[in-house]
Amino acid sequence: MKDLISQHKRLIIIFASLVALGITLWETNRFLQEFKQEERAKMSILASAYQKLLEVKDDNPPLLNLSSSILENNNTIPVIIVDKNNHIVFHRNLPQNQPKYLQKKLNEFKQTGKHFKLDLGNNDYQILYYGDSSLLNKLTYYPLILAGIFLLFLTIIYLYYHTGKISDENKLWSGLAKETAHQIGTPLSSLMGWLELLKVEDNLDIPVEEIEKDVQRLDIISQRFSKIGSSPALESENIYELTYKTVQYISNRTSKWVEIILTKPKTSIYALVNEQLYAWVIENLLKNAIDAMQGKGQIKINISETEKQVIIDIADSGKGIPPGKTHQIFRPGFTTKKRGWGLGLSLTKRIIEQYHKGKIYVLQSSQKGTTFRVVLKK
């Protein structure tokens, strides 16, 4: 549940970032359009000033000085003026004594369509072409830079979570190998003990039934691990009966100070499960509860159903999960024990959610105990 909430938070953050980027790009574009209109207005004034400068007579110094001042104050917008024969007669904010470069810029300005026609009378005219100022050129690239930064931000987020996922998978397989050794170790040690007894010639009390139990246990372990990584067959099973078998197995192998109470439902409840993997889930949850209670306490198991789901609640009287850790307990490698690999609950989550398409989460946890809830398809 916590992982789902965390995923939703990431999606919300990404969505909010996209909205913020969209608004920023839209506002930037609006600002650029306004800036372009401002520059065109300035060029309109400059064109008028230049035309007045050509028309003015020497006996009108104030108008002459005003027109010259307007032309000289343009220090940012590149300007090229040509006569009706397309000869350059004036340019500003462009390099001097570079005819080829000026002609190249003139061709660029013509393609943009930014110009003003200066009517000089007597069928004579000049055309003022202009380009974008250096500031406007820089601002034009701003949205691209912003989009690039945002894409870099998304890439970093992706790599962070992708690396974390790979790390979790590595922990899972590493822990799986250790869990395999641990699971096989118990019945294997028992079988070695029986072999030592068989070596005693005078010992005729051969414990065949106990040896058979250990061999069966090894077969169950083999079936469990063979189903990890494949798609196990799911069948409609009586959940109470399957749970009861696992409870009996654990009860016979744990402390007498641990009481496991399995409440039998009034009617038979069936769900789609794989018998070996479901037993593994209940076994892991019971062992986890026993560890939380430090070998002394009570575990209550309640099985119920809704129209489409089967619900198994496992409540212990242990010390509870530390605050802020309920969303971490299903991660591979996470454990609060001094000895342990942090794999049991991770495998349990994988079995329930990936193989059975169900759900498992912490229903509640306090200093008085913890309740795990498993939800299966009916």
Protein backbone atom coordinates (compact mmCIF):
# COMPACT_ATOMS: atom_id res chain seq x y z
CA MET A 1 0.00 0.00 0.00
CA LYS A 2 2.82 2.38 0.93
CA ASP A 3 4.67 1.55 -2.29
CA LEU A 4 1.47 2.33 -4.21
CA ILE A 5 1.14 5.68 -2.43
CA SER A 6 4.80 6.42 -3.13
CA GLN A 7 4.26 5.64 -6.81
CA HIS A 8 1.24 7.96 -6.87
CA LYS A 9 3.35 10.71 -5.31
CA ARG A 10 5.98 10.30 -8.03
CA LEU A 11 3.31 10.50 -10.72
CA ILE A 12 1.85 13.62 -9.10
CA ILE A 13 5.30 15.23 -8.96
CA ILE A 14 5.98 14.41 -12.63
CA PHE A 15 2.52 15.66 -13.67
CA ALA A 16 2.97 18.88 -11.67
CA SER A 17 6.40 19.37 -13.26
CA LEU A 18 4.89 18.94 -16.73
CA VAL A 19 2.18 21.47 -15.95
CA ALA A 20 4.76 23.92 -14.58
CA LEU A 21 6.92 23.42 -17.69
CA GLY A 22 3.90 23.96 -19.97
CA ILE A 23 2.90 27.17 -18.18
CA THR A 24 6.50 28.44 -18.23
CA LEU A 25 6.90 27.72 -21.95
CA TRP A 26 3.58 29.37 -22.73
CA GLU A 27 4.44 32.47 -20.70
CA THR A 28 7.91 32.60 -22.26
CA ASN A 29 6.44 32.38 -25.75
CA ARG A 30 3.95 35.15 -24.92
CA PHE A 31 6.78 37.32 -23.61
CA LEU A 32 8.85 36.69 -26.76
CA GLN A 33 5.93 37.70 -28.99
CA GLU A 34 5.45 40.91 -27.00
CA PHE A 35 9.20 41.58 -27.18
CA LYS A 36 9.16 41.10 -30.96
CA GLN A 37 6.24 43.53 -31.27
CA GLU A 38 8.17 46.04 -29.17
CA GLU A 39 11.21 45.74 -31.43
CA ARG A 40 9.04 46.20 -34.52
CA ALA A 41 7.55 49.34 -32.96
CA LYS A 42 11.08 50.62 -32.31
CA MET A 43 12.03 49.88 -35.91
CA SER A 44 8.95 51.74 -37.12
CA ILE A 45 10.09 54.80 -35.16
CA LEU A 46 13.66 54.35 -36.42
CA ALA A 47 12.45 54.10 -40.04
CA SER A 48 10.45 57.29 -39.65
CA ALA A 49 13.46 59.02 -38.09
CA TYR A 50 15.72 57.93 -40.94
CA GLN A 51 13.24 59.11 -43.54
CA LYS A 52 12.98 62.48 -41.79
CA LEU A 53 16.75 62.64 -41.72
CA LEU A 54 16.81 62.22 -45.49
CA GLU A 55 14.07 64.83 -46.00
CA VAL A 56 15.14 67.42 -43.43
CA LYS A 57 16.90 70.55 -44.46
CA ASP A 58 19.88 72.11 -42.76
CA ASP A 59 17.73 75.03 -41.62
CA ASN A 60 15.87 72.74 -39.16
CA PRO A 61 18.58 71.67 -36.70
CA PRO A 62 16.19 70.42 -33.93
CA LEU A 63 14.54 67.87 -36.22
CA LEU A 64 17.93 66.91 -37.64
CA ASN A 65 19.36 66.33 -34.17
CA LEU A 66 16.29 64.30 -33.05
CA SER A 67 16.45 62.00 -36.06
CA SER A 68 20.19 61.47 -35.64
CA SER A 69 19.73 60.76 -31.93
CA ILE A 70 17.10 58.09 -32.60
CA LEU A 71 19.39 56.34 -35.08
CA GLU A 72 22.39 56.49 -32.77
CA ASN A 73 20.48 55.13 -29.75
CA ASN A 74 19.82 51.85 -31.52
CA ASN A 75 22.67 49.75 -30.15
CA THR A 76 21.09 46.28 -30.24
CA ILE A 77 18.95 45.71 -33.35
CA PRO A 78 20.89 44.99 -36.56
CA VAL A 79 19.76 47.22 -39.46
CA ILE A 80 20.53 47.30 -43.19
CA ILE A 81 19.13 49.95 -45.56
CA VAL A 82 19.26 49.49 -49.33
CA ASP A 83 18.28 51.73 -52.22
CA LYS A 84 15.87 50.77 -54.99
CA ASN A 85 18.75 49.10 -56.83
CA ASN A 86 19.38 46.86 -53.78
CA HIS A 87 22.69 48.56 -52.93
CA ILE A 88 23.51 48.85 -49.27
CA VAL A 89 23.55 52.49 -48.25
CA PHE A 90 23.50 52.15 -44.47
CA HIS A 91 23.90 49.51 -41.76
CA ARG A 92 24.15 49.52 -37.99
CA ASN A 93 25.09 46.97 -35.28
CA LEU A 94 26.82 44.81 -37.87
CA PRO A 95 30.58 44.38 -38.61
CA GLN A 96 32.24 47.06 -40.77
CA ASN A 97 34.09 46.40 -44.04
CA GLN A 98 32.68 42.89 -44.56
CA PRO A 99 30.61 43.10 -47.78
CA LYS A 100 30.05 39.33 -48.06
CA TYR A 101 28.83 39.07 -44.49
CA LEU A 102 26.52 42.08 -44.92
CA GLN A 103 25.05 40.59 -48.09
CA LYS A 104 24.48 37.29 -46.30
CA LYS A 105 22.67 39.04 -43.42
CA LEU A 106 20.63 41.07 -45.90
CA ASN A 107 19.41 37.86 -47.56
CA GLU A 108 18.49 36.46 -44.12
CA PHE A 109 16.55 39.62 -43.21
CA LYS A 110 14.67 39.49 -46.52
CA GLN A 111 13.53 35.92 -45.77
CA THR A 112 12.04 37.00 -42.45
CA GLY A 113 9.98 39.72 -44.09
CA LYS A 114 10.96 42.31 -41.48
CA HIS A 115 11.27 45.59 -43.39
CA PHE A 116 9.92 49.10 -43.89
CA LYS A 117 9.72 50.96 -47.20
CA LEU A 118 10.98 54.55 -47.10
CA ASP A 119 9.32 56.69 -49.79
CA LEU A 120 11.64 59.48 -50.88
CA GLY A 121 9.42 60.90 -53.66
CA ASN A 122 10.03 61.15 -57.41
CA ASN A 123 9.73 57.34 -57.67
CA ASP A 124 12.72 57.01 -55.40
CA TYR A 125 12.68 54.83 -52.29
CA GLN A 126 14.81 52.89 -49.86
CA ILE A 127 14.03 49.74 -47.82
CA LEU A 128 15.03 49.24 -44.19
CA TYR A 129 15.60 45.59 -43.23
CA TYR A 130 16.23 44.51 -39.66
CA GLY A 131 16.84 41.36 -37.64
CA ASP A 132 16.38 40.25 -34.06
CA SER A 133 18.46 41.85 -31.35
CA SER A 134 21.09 39.82 -29.54
CA LEU A 135 18.87 39.76 -26.44
CA LEU A 136 15.91 38.41 -28.40
CA ASN A 137 18.12 35.74 -29.99
CA LYS A 138 19.23 34.60 -26.53
CA LEU A 139 15.66 34.54 -25.24
CA THR A 140 14.58 32.43 -28.24
CA TYR A 141 16.77 29.59 -26.99
CA TYR A 142 15.50 29.88 -23.42
CA PRO A 143 12.49 27.50 -23.87
CA LEU A 144 14.78 24.88 -25.40
CA ILE A 145 17.21 25.20 -22.50
CA LEU A 146 14.33 24.95 -20.04
CA ALA A 147 12.95 21.86 -21.78
CA GLY A 148 16.45 20.34 -21.77
CA ILE A 149 16.81 20.92 -18.04
CA PHE A 150 13.41 19.32 -17.45
CA LEU A 151 14.32 16.28 -19.57
CA LEU A 152 17.57 15.98 -17.62
CA PHE A 153 15.54 16.12 -14.40
CA LEU A 154 13.25 13.30 -15.64
CA THR A 155 16.27 11.26 -16.74
CA ILE A 156 17.86 11.56 -13.30
CA ILE A 157 14.58 10.46 -11.65
CA TYR A 158 14.29 7.50 -14.03
CA LEU A 159 17.88 6.40 -13.45
CA TYR A 160 17.47 6.77 -9.69
CA TYR A 161 14.40 4.53 -9.50
CA HIS A 162 15.69 2.15 -12.18
CA THR A 163 18.95 1.69 -10.26
CA GLY A 164 16.97 1.18 -7.05
CA LYS A 165 14.84 -1.46 -8.77
CA ILE A 166 17.92 -3.32 -10.03
CA SER A 167 19.41 -3.14 -6.53
CA ASP A 168 16.20 -4.60 -5.05
CA GLU A 169 16.23 -7.40 -7.63
CA ASN A 170 19.86 -8.21 -6.82
CA LYS A 171 19.00 -8.35 -3.12
CA LEU A 172 16.03 -10.57 -3.91
CA TRP A 173 18.03 -13.18 -5.83
CA SER A 174 20.90 -13.05 -3.34
CA GLY A 175 18.46 -13.56 -0.50
CA LEU A 176 16.67 -16.28 -2.44
CA ALA A 177 19.85 -18.31 -2.60
CA LYS A 178 20.36 -17.92 1.16
CA GLU A 179 16.73 -18.79 1.84
CA THR A 180 17.08 -21.93 -0.27
CA ALA A 181 20.07 -23.03 1.79
CA HIS A 182 18.18 -22.25 5.00
CA GLN A 183 15.03 -24.11 3.95
CA ILE A 184 16.92 -27.20 2.84
CA GLY A 185 19.28 -27.14 5.83
CA THR A 186 16.73 -28.23 8.47
CA PRO A 187 15.45 -31.47 6.90
CA LEU A 188 18.92 -32.22 5.55
CA SER A 189 20.43 -32.06 9.04
CA SER A 190 17.65 -34.33 10.27
CA LEU A 191 18.31 -36.87 7.53
CA MET A 192 22.02 -36.90 8.39
CA GLY A 193 21.08 -37.70 11.96
CA TRP A 194 18.90 -40.59 10.83
CA LEU A 195 21.79 -41.90 8.72
CA GLU A 196 24.03 -41.95 11.77
CA LEU A 197 21.42 -44.06 13.58
CA LEU A 198 21.23 -46.46 10.65
CA LYS A 199 25.01 -46.99 10.90
CA VAL A 200 24.56 -48.53 14.34
CA GLU A 201 24.26 -52.26 13.63
CA ASP A 202 22.35 -53.13 16.78
CA ASN A 203 19.77 -50.34 16.29
CA LEU A 204 16.69 -52.02 14.82
CA ASP A 205 14.29 -49.13 15.63
CA ILE A 206 14.64 -47.43 12.26
CA PRO A 207 12.50 -44.21 12.28
CA VAL A 208 11.08 -44.70 8.77
CA GLU A 209 8.12 -42.36 9.32
CA GLU A 210 10.33 -39.48 10.47
CA ILE A 211 12.70 -39.98 7.53
CA GLU A 212 9.70 -39.96 5.20
CA LYS A 213 8.50 -36.65 6.70
CA ASP A 214 11.88 -35.04 6.07
CA VAL A 215 11.98 -36.34 2.49
CA GLN A 216 8.47 -34.96 1.93
CA ARG A 217 9.60 -31.64 3.37
CA LEU A 218 12.49 -31.50 0.88
CA ASP A 219 10.04 -32.25 -1.93
CA ILE A 220 7.78 -29.37 -0.80
CA ILE A 221 10.76 -26.99 -0.67
CA SER A 222 11.79 -28.09 -4.16
CA GLN A 223 8.27 -27.45 -5.49
CA ARG A 224 8.17 -24.00 -3.88
CA PHE A 225 11.39 -22.79 -5.40
CA SER A 226 10.64 -24.34 -8.78
CA LYS A 227 7.59 -22.09 -9.04
CA ILE A 228 9.52 -18.87 -8.40
CA GLY A 229 10.10 -17.22 -11.78
CA SER A 230 7.40 -19.21 -13.58
CA SER A 231 3.62 -18.92 -13.76
CA PRO A 232 2.23 -21.43 -11.25
CA ALA A 233 -1.13 -23.08 -11.85
CA LEU A 234 -3.90 -21.69 -9.66
CA GLU A 235 -6.78 -23.87 -8.51
CA SER A 236 -9.85 -23.32 -6.40
CA GLU A 237 -8.86 -24.47 -2.91
CA ASN A 238 -10.47 -24.49 0.52
CA ILE A 239 -8.52 -21.71 2.22
CA TYR A 240 -9.29 -22.83 5.77
CA GLU A 241 -7.98 -26.36 5.14
CA LEU A 242 -4.77 -25.12 3.49
CA THR A 243 -4.18 -22.63 6.29
CA TYR A 244 -4.89 -25.29 8.93
CA LYS A 245 -2.19 -27.61 7.51
CA THR A 246 0.44 -24.86 7.73
CA VAL A 247 -0.69 -23.83 11.22
CA GLN A 248 -0.33 -27.44 12.40
CA TYR A 249 3.14 -27.72 10.88
CA ILE A 250 4.35 -24.49 12.50
CA SER A 251 2.66 -25.23 15.85
CA ASN A 252 4.51 -28.54 16.16
CA ARG A 253 7.85 -26.81 15.57
CA THR A 254 7.61 -23.71 17.70
CA SER A 255 7.65 -22.77 21.37
CA LYS A 256 4.86 -24.00 23.64
CA TRP A 257 4.50 -20.37 24.73
CA VAL A 258 3.16 -19.46 21.30
CA GLU A 259 -0.59 -19.93 20.79
CA ILE A 260 -1.95 -19.91 17.25
CA ILE A 261 -5.73 -19.52 17.00
CA LEU A 262 -7.30 -20.23 13.62
CA THR A 263 -11.00 -19.39 13.57
CA LYS A 264 -12.99 -21.69 11.30
CA PRO A 265 -15.51 -19.84 9.09
CA LYS A 266 -19.15 -20.93 9.20
CA THR A 267 -19.10 -21.90 5.53
CA SER A 268 -16.33 -23.20 3.28
CA ILE A 269 -14.40 -20.41 1.57
CA TYR A 270 -12.57 -21.06 -1.69
CA ALA A 271 -10.00 -19.00 -3.55
CA LEU A 272 -7.75 -19.37 -6.60
CA VAL A 273 -4.31 -20.28 -5.20
CA ASN A 274 -1.29 -22.46 -5.71
CA GLU A 275 -1.16 -24.80 -2.71
CA GLN A 276 2.63 -24.83 -2.18
CA LEU A 277 3.07 -21.09 -2.63
CA TYR A 278 0.09 -20.20 -0.44
CA ALA A 279 1.46 -22.43 2.32
CA TRP A 280 4.79 -20.62 1.98
CA VAL A 281 3.06 -17.25 2.43
CA ILE A 282 1.25 -18.35 5.62
CA GLU A 283 4.43 -19.97 6.94
CA ASN A 284 6.46 -16.77 6.38
CA LEU A 285 3.81 -14.61 8.05
CA LEU A 286 3.57 -16.94 11.04
CA LYS A 287 7.36 -17.09 11.44
CA ASN A 288 7.51 -13.31 11.18
CA ALA A 289 4.83 -13.00 13.88
CA ILE A 290 6.64 -15.45 16.16
CA ASP A 291 9.87 -13.48 15.78
CA ALA A 292 8.02 -10.24 16.55
CA MET A 293 6.64 -11.81 19.75
CA GLN A 294 10.11 -13.17 20.64
CA GLY A 295 8.72 -16.70 20.99
CA LYS A 296 5.92 -15.84 23.39
CA GLY A 297 2.43 -14.58 22.61
CA GLN A 298 -0.74 -15.19 20.64
CA ILE A 299 -1.44 -15.22 16.92
CA LYS A 300 -5.02 -14.97 15.64
CA ILE A 301 -5.95 -15.91 12.08
CA ASN A 302 -9.34 -14.93 10.71
CA ILE A 303 -10.66 -15.88 7.26
CA SER A 304 -13.59 -13.99 5.72
CA GLU A 305 -15.01 -13.24 2.29
CA THR A 306 -16.77 -10.59 0.24
CA GLU A 307 -18.58 -10.98 -3.04
CA LYS A 308 -15.35 -11.21 -5.05
CA GLN A 309 -12.53 -11.54 -2.52
CA VAL A 310 -11.17 -13.76 0.23
CA ILE A 311 -9.53 -11.97 3.16
CA ILE A 312 -7.00 -13.54 5.54
CA ASP A 313 -6.02 -11.46 8.59
CA ILE A 314 -3.04 -12.59 10.70
CA ALA A 315 -2.70 -10.63 13.96
CA ASP A 316 0.09 -11.08 16.48
CA SER A 317 0.68 -9.70 19.99
CA GLY A 318 4.24 -8.63 19.26
CA LYS A 319 5.99 -5.29 19.70
CA GLY A 320 4.74 -3.88 16.39
CA ILE A 321 6.58 -2.39 13.46
CA PRO A 322 8.75 0.70 14.15
CA PRO A 323 7.06 3.97 13.10
CA GLY A 324 7.81 4.90 9.51
CA LYS A 325 8.98 1.38 8.61
CA THR A 326 5.68 -0.17 7.46
CA HIS A 327 6.39 0.84 3.83
CA GLN A 328 9.88 -0.71 3.92
CA ILE A 329 9.23 -4.16 5.37
CA PHE A 330 8.41 -5.71 1.97
CA ARG A 331 11.66 -4.52 0.37
CA PRO A 332 14.33 -7.18 -0.28
CA GLY A 333 17.09 -6.98 2.30
CA PHE A 334 15.14 -4.97 4.88
CA THR A 335 15.05 -6.56 8.33
CA THR A 336 14.87 -5.43 11.96
CA LYS A 337 16.44 -8.68 13.19
CA LYS A 338 20.08 -9.03 14.20
CA ARG A 339 20.17 -12.22 12.13
CA GLY A 340 18.19 -12.46 8.94
CA TRP A 341 18.25 -11.63 5.25
CA GLY A 342 15.04 -9.63 4.96
CA LEU A 343 13.65 -11.95 2.29
CA GLY A 344 10.57 -13.61 3.83
CA LEU A 345 8.12 -10.72 3.46
CA SER A 346 9.59 -9.74 0.09
CA LEU A 347 8.93 -13.23 -1.29
CA THR A 348 5.51 -13.22 0.34
CA LYS A 349 4.59 -9.98 -1.44
CA ARG A 350 5.92 -11.33 -4.74
CA ILE A 351 3.89 -14.56 -4.40
CA ILE A 352 0.64 -12.79 -3.51
CA GLU A 353 0.79 -9.83 -5.89
CA GLN A 354 2.63 -11.19 -8.94
CA TYR A 355 1.54 -14.82 -8.97
CA HIS A 356 -1.91 -14.60 -7.38
CA LYS A 357 -2.79 -11.03 -8.48
CA GLY A 358 -3.85 -10.28 -4.91
CA LYS A 359 -2.79 -7.80 -2.27
CA ILE A 360 -0.84 -7.92 0.98
CA TYR A 361 -0.29 -5.03 3.35
CA VAL A 362 -0.07 -4.01 7.01
CA LEU A 363 -3.64 -3.43 8.16
CA GLN A 364 -2.55 -1.94 11.48
CA SER A 365 0.47 -1.90 13.76
CA SER A 366 1.08 -0.64 17.29
CA GLN A 367 3.06 -1.59 20.37
CA LYS A 368 0.35 -4.15 21.10
CA GLY A 369 0.84 -6.03 17.85
CA THR A 370 0.59 -6.07 14.09
CA THR A 371 -2.07 -7.30 11.66
CA PHE A 372 -1.19 -8.37 8.13
CA ARG A 373 -3.99 -8.65 5.57
CA VAL A 374 -3.88 -10.92 2.54
CA VAL A 375 -6.54 -10.40 -0.17
CA LEU A 376 -7.12 -13.10 -2.82
CA LYS A 377 -9.49 -13.57 -5.71
CA LYS A 378 -12.51 -15.60 -4.73
